[in-house]
Each structure stands twice: as C-alpha cells, then as structure tokens.
Amino acid sequence: MEMLQTPLTNLQLELLKVFARPVSEQDLLEIRQMLARFFAEKAMNLVDEVWEMNNWTAEDTERLLQEHRRKPVPSERISGYPNL
C-alpha cells in the first residue's frame, strides 16, 4: 500500500503539540467552533478590504448577488462522475 507523503502545516504541528492530551467531546466542539469563528472573521475582513478597495456600494452587492457566474457542467461529466 502506498502512503501519501504530505507534510503537516505549521498550524497542524502546533495543534498537535497543544492537544497532545485527550480533550472532552464538549471541549473539542468548542475548539472547532472557535477555529471556525477565527477563520470566518479573517475571511470577512478580507472581503471588507476588497469592497473598500473597489469602492463597491450596496447596489454593487445586489448586482453581484443577482449574477449567475457558474458555468454549466457538460452532462457527460455528470453521468459517470469522472473528475467532476
């Protein structure tokens, strides 16, 4: 069996060190929520920067929400799921 050789990120290594001991399921849930909030806040800050950089308005937001930017997937790719 071939093993994947993917190095751990600095975040993964740090989390492994910090959580080298068992934690309760409740603590694990709270840690997941904390990490989700952290990354969501970073994403929102980035979006705010882009909005300010482009001088976008509420009208621009509405226009972007109405745009259909996804491209349709050819039916032959859907039927057999090859490399969706």
N, C-alpha and C. Protein backbone atom coordinates (compact mmCIF):
# COMPACT_ATOMS: atom_id res chain seq x y z
N MET A 1 0.85 -1.18 0.00
CA MET A 1 0.00 0.00 0.00
C MET A 1 0.89 1.24 0.00
N GLU A 2 0.58 2.18 -0.88
CA GLU A 2 1.37 3.41 -0.99
C GLU A 2 0.85 4.44 0.00
N MET A 3 1.75 5.03 0.78
CA MET A 3 1.37 6.06 1.75
C MET A 3 1.59 7.43 1.12
N LEU A 4 0.67 8.34 1.39
CA LEU A 4 0.82 9.71 0.91
C LEU A 4 1.86 10.42 1.75
N GLN A 5 2.72 11.16 1.13
CA GLN A 5 3.76 11.91 1.81
C GLN A 5 3.43 13.40 1.78
N THR A 6 2.51 13.82 2.62
CA THR A 6 2.15 15.23 2.67
C THR A 6 2.60 15.79 4.01
N PRO A 7 3.48 16.79 3.98
CA PRO A 7 3.96 17.35 5.24
C PRO A 7 2.84 18.11 5.95
N LEU A 8 2.92 18.12 7.26
CA LEU A 8 1.95 18.87 8.05
C LEU A 8 2.28 20.35 7.98
N THR A 9 1.24 21.16 8.03
CA THR A 9 1.44 22.61 8.05
C THR A 9 1.91 23.04 9.43
N ASN A 10 2.38 24.27 9.52
CA ASN A 10 2.80 24.79 10.83
C ASN A 10 1.63 24.83 11.80
N LEU A 11 0.43 25.11 11.31
CA LEU A 11 -0.75 25.11 12.17
C LEU A 11 -1.05 23.71 12.69
N GLN A 12 -0.98 22.72 11.82
CA GLN A 12 -1.24 21.34 12.24
C GLN A 12 -0.22 20.89 13.29
N LEU A 13 1.04 21.22 13.08
CA LEU A 13 2.09 20.84 14.04
C LEU A 13 1.84 21.50 15.40
N GLU A 14 1.48 22.77 15.38
CA GLU A 14 1.23 23.48 16.64
C GLU A 14 0.03 22.90 17.36
N LEU A 15 -1.04 22.58 16.62
CA LEU A 15 -2.22 21.99 17.25
C LEU A 15 -1.91 20.62 17.83
N LEU A 16 -1.07 19.86 17.15
CA LEU A 16 -0.68 18.55 17.69
C LEU A 16 0.06 18.71 19.01
N LYS A 17 0.93 19.71 19.10
CA LYS A 17 1.66 19.95 20.36
C LYS A 17 0.71 20.38 21.47
N VAL A 18 -0.17 21.30 21.15
CA VAL A 18 -1.08 21.85 22.15
C VAL A 18 -2.05 20.79 22.66
N PHE A 19 -2.53 19.95 21.76
CA PHE A 19 -3.55 18.99 22.13
C PHE A 19 -3.00 17.56 22.18
N ALA A 20 -1.83 17.43 22.78
CA ALA A 20 -1.22 16.10 22.91
C ALA A 20 -1.94 15.27 23.97
N ARG A 21 -2.84 15.89 24.68
CA ARG A 21 -3.62 15.15 25.69
C ARG A 21 -5.06 15.06 25.24
N PRO A 22 -5.77 14.07 25.74
CA PRO A 22 -7.17 13.93 25.35
C PRO A 22 -8.01 15.12 25.84
N VAL A 23 -9.02 15.48 25.07
CA VAL A 23 -9.98 16.51 25.49
C VAL A 23 -11.37 15.92 25.39
N SER A 24 -12.27 16.50 26.15
CA SER A 24 -13.65 16.01 26.13
C SER A 24 -14.31 16.35 24.80
N GLU A 25 -15.39 15.66 24.50
CA GLU A 25 -16.14 15.94 23.28
C GLU A 25 -16.67 17.38 23.29
N GLN A 26 -17.08 17.86 24.46
CA GLN A 26 -17.57 19.23 24.58
C GLN A 26 -16.45 20.23 24.27
N ASP A 27 -15.26 19.98 24.82
CA ASP A 27 -14.13 20.86 24.54
C ASP A 27 -13.78 20.83 23.06
N LEU A 28 -13.80 19.65 22.47
CA LEU A 28 -13.50 19.51 21.05
C LEU A 28 -14.49 20.31 20.21
N LEU A 29 -15.76 20.25 20.55
CA LEU A 29 -16.78 21.02 19.84
C LEU A 29 -16.52 22.52 19.97
N GLU A 30 -16.18 22.96 21.19
CA GLU A 30 -15.92 24.38 21.41
C GLU A 30 -14.68 24.84 20.65
N ILE A 31 -13.65 24.00 20.59
CA ILE A 31 -12.44 24.34 19.85
C ILE A 31 -12.74 24.45 18.36
N ARG A 32 -13.53 23.53 17.83
CA ARG A 32 -13.91 23.59 16.41
C ARG A 32 -14.67 24.88 16.12
N GLN A 33 -15.59 25.24 17.01
CA GLN A 33 -16.37 26.46 16.82
C GLN A 33 -15.46 27.69 16.88
N MET A 34 -14.50 27.69 17.80
CA MET A 34 -13.58 28.80 17.94
C MET A 34 -12.74 28.96 16.66
N LEU A 35 -12.24 27.84 16.14
CA LEU A 35 -11.46 27.90 14.91
C LEU A 35 -12.31 28.36 13.73
N ALA A 36 -13.54 27.89 13.66
CA ALA A 36 -14.44 28.32 12.58
C ALA A 36 -14.69 29.82 12.65
N ARG A 37 -14.93 30.33 13.86
CA ARG A 37 -15.14 31.78 14.02
C ARG A 37 -13.90 32.56 13.63
N PHE A 38 -12.73 32.07 14.02
CA PHE A 38 -11.47 32.74 13.70
C PHE A 38 -11.30 32.87 12.19
N PHE A 39 -11.46 31.75 11.46
CA PHE A 39 -11.26 31.79 10.01
C PHE A 39 -12.38 32.54 9.30
N ALA A 40 -13.59 32.50 9.83
CA ALA A 40 -14.69 33.26 9.24
C ALA A 40 -14.43 34.76 9.39
N GLU A 41 -13.92 35.16 10.54
CA GLU A 41 -13.62 36.58 10.76
C GLU A 41 -12.51 37.05 9.81
N LYS A 42 -11.49 36.22 9.62
CA LYS A 42 -10.41 36.58 8.70
C LYS A 42 -10.96 36.73 7.27
N ALA A 43 -11.84 35.83 6.88
CA ALA A 43 -12.43 35.90 5.54
C ALA A 43 -13.26 37.17 5.39
N MET A 44 -14.05 37.49 6.39
CA MET A 44 -14.89 38.69 6.33
C MET A 44 -14.03 39.95 6.27
N ASN A 45 -12.93 39.98 7.01
CA ASN A 45 -12.03 41.13 6.96
C ASN A 45 -11.44 41.29 5.56
N LEU A 46 -11.09 40.18 4.93
CA LEU A 46 -10.55 40.24 3.57
C LEU A 46 -11.61 40.75 2.59
N VAL A 47 -12.82 40.28 2.74
CA VAL A 47 -13.92 40.74 1.88
C VAL A 47 -14.14 42.24 2.08
N ASP A 48 -14.11 42.69 3.33
CA ASP A 48 -14.28 44.12 3.60
C ASP A 48 -13.19 44.94 2.91
N GLU A 49 -11.95 44.45 2.95
CA GLU A 49 -10.85 45.15 2.29
C GLU A 49 -11.09 45.25 0.78
N VAL A 50 -11.53 44.15 0.18
CA VAL A 50 -11.79 44.14 -1.27
C VAL A 50 -12.91 45.12 -1.59
N TRP A 51 -13.96 45.14 -0.78
CA TRP A 51 -15.08 46.06 -1.01
C TRP A 51 -14.60 47.50 -0.97
N GLU A 52 -13.80 47.82 0.05
CA GLU A 52 -13.31 49.20 0.18
C GLU A 52 -12.35 49.55 -0.95
N MET A 53 -11.49 48.62 -1.33
CA MET A 53 -10.52 48.85 -2.39
C MET A 53 -11.22 49.15 -3.72
N ASN A 54 -12.37 48.51 -3.95
CA ASN A 54 -13.12 48.69 -5.19
C ASN A 54 -14.21 49.76 -5.09
N ASN A 55 -14.34 50.36 -3.91
CA ASN A 55 -15.39 51.37 -3.68
C ASN A 55 -16.78 50.85 -4.05
N TRP A 56 -17.04 49.59 -3.71
CA TRP A 56 -18.33 49.00 -4.02
C TRP A 56 -19.40 49.51 -3.06
N THR A 57 -20.62 49.57 -3.57
CA THR A 57 -21.76 50.08 -2.80
C THR A 57 -22.76 48.95 -2.56
N ALA A 58 -23.84 49.28 -1.87
CA ALA A 58 -24.92 48.30 -1.65
C ALA A 58 -25.53 47.88 -2.98
N GLU A 59 -25.59 48.79 -3.93
CA GLU A 59 -26.12 48.45 -5.25
C GLU A 59 -25.21 47.43 -5.95
N ASP A 60 -23.90 47.59 -5.79
CA ASP A 60 -22.96 46.63 -6.36
C ASP A 60 -23.16 45.25 -5.73
N THR A 61 -23.41 45.24 -4.43
CA THR A 61 -23.65 43.98 -3.74
C THR A 61 -24.87 43.29 -4.32
N GLU A 62 -25.95 44.02 -4.53
CA GLU A 62 -27.16 43.44 -5.11
C GLU A 62 -26.90 42.91 -6.51
N ARG A 63 -26.17 43.69 -7.30
CA ARG A 63 -25.85 43.26 -8.66
C ARG A 63 -25.03 41.97 -8.64
N LEU A 64 -24.05 41.88 -7.76
CA LEU A 64 -23.23 40.67 -7.66
C LEU A 64 -24.06 39.46 -7.21
N LEU A 65 -25.02 39.71 -6.32
CA LEU A 65 -25.87 38.62 -5.85
C LEU A 65 -26.77 38.08 -6.95
N GLN A 66 -27.12 38.93 -7.91
CA GLN A 66 -28.01 38.52 -9.00
C GLN A 66 -27.29 37.87 -10.16
N GLU A 67 -25.96 38.05 -10.22
CA GLU A 67 -25.20 37.47 -11.34
C GLU A 67 -25.14 35.95 -11.23
N HIS A 68 -25.18 35.33 -12.38
CA HIS A 68 -25.00 33.87 -12.45
C HIS A 68 -23.65 33.65 -13.11
N ARG A 69 -22.64 33.34 -12.31
CA ARG A 69 -21.28 33.27 -12.82
C ARG A 69 -20.78 31.84 -13.00
N ARG A 70 -21.53 30.86 -12.53
CA ARG A 70 -21.08 29.48 -12.69
C ARG A 70 -21.33 29.02 -14.10
N LYS A 71 -20.45 28.18 -14.58
CA LYS A 71 -20.61 27.61 -15.91
C LYS A 71 -21.27 26.25 -15.78
N PRO A 72 -22.16 25.91 -16.72
CA PRO A 72 -22.81 24.60 -16.64
C PRO A 72 -21.79 23.48 -16.87
N VAL A 73 -22.00 22.37 -16.16
CA VAL A 73 -21.14 21.20 -16.31
C VAL A 73 -21.70 20.35 -17.44
N PRO A 74 -20.84 19.96 -18.42
CA PRO A 74 -21.34 19.10 -19.50
C PRO A 74 -21.94 17.82 -18.95
N SER A 75 -23.07 17.39 -19.52
CA SER A 75 -23.80 16.24 -18.99
C SER A 75 -22.97 14.97 -18.98
N GLU A 76 -22.01 14.80 -19.92
CA GLU A 76 -21.21 13.58 -19.93
C GLU A 76 -20.30 13.50 -18.70
N ARG A 77 -19.96 14.63 -18.11
CA ARG A 77 -19.15 14.61 -16.90
C ARG A 77 -19.99 14.27 -15.68
N ILE A 78 -21.25 14.62 -15.72
CA ILE A 78 -22.12 14.36 -14.58
C ILE A 78 -22.51 12.88 -14.50
N SER A 79 -22.85 12.28 -15.62
CA SER A 79 -23.40 10.93 -15.61
C SER A 79 -22.47 9.91 -14.99
N GLY A 80 -21.18 9.96 -15.28
CA GLY A 80 -20.26 8.96 -14.72
C GLY A 80 -19.39 9.52 -13.62
N TYR A 81 -19.57 10.76 -13.27
CA TYR A 81 -18.79 11.47 -12.27
C TYR A 81 -17.30 11.53 -12.54
N PRO A 82 -16.81 11.38 -13.77
CA PRO A 82 -15.36 11.45 -13.95
C PRO A 82 -14.86 12.88 -13.76
N ASN A 83 -14.04 13.04 -12.76
CA ASN A 83 -13.38 14.32 -12.48
C ASN A 83 -14.32 15.52 -12.45
N LEU A 84 -15.42 15.36 -11.75
CA LEU A 84 -16.35 16.49 -11.64
C LEU A 84 -15.56 17.71 -11.34
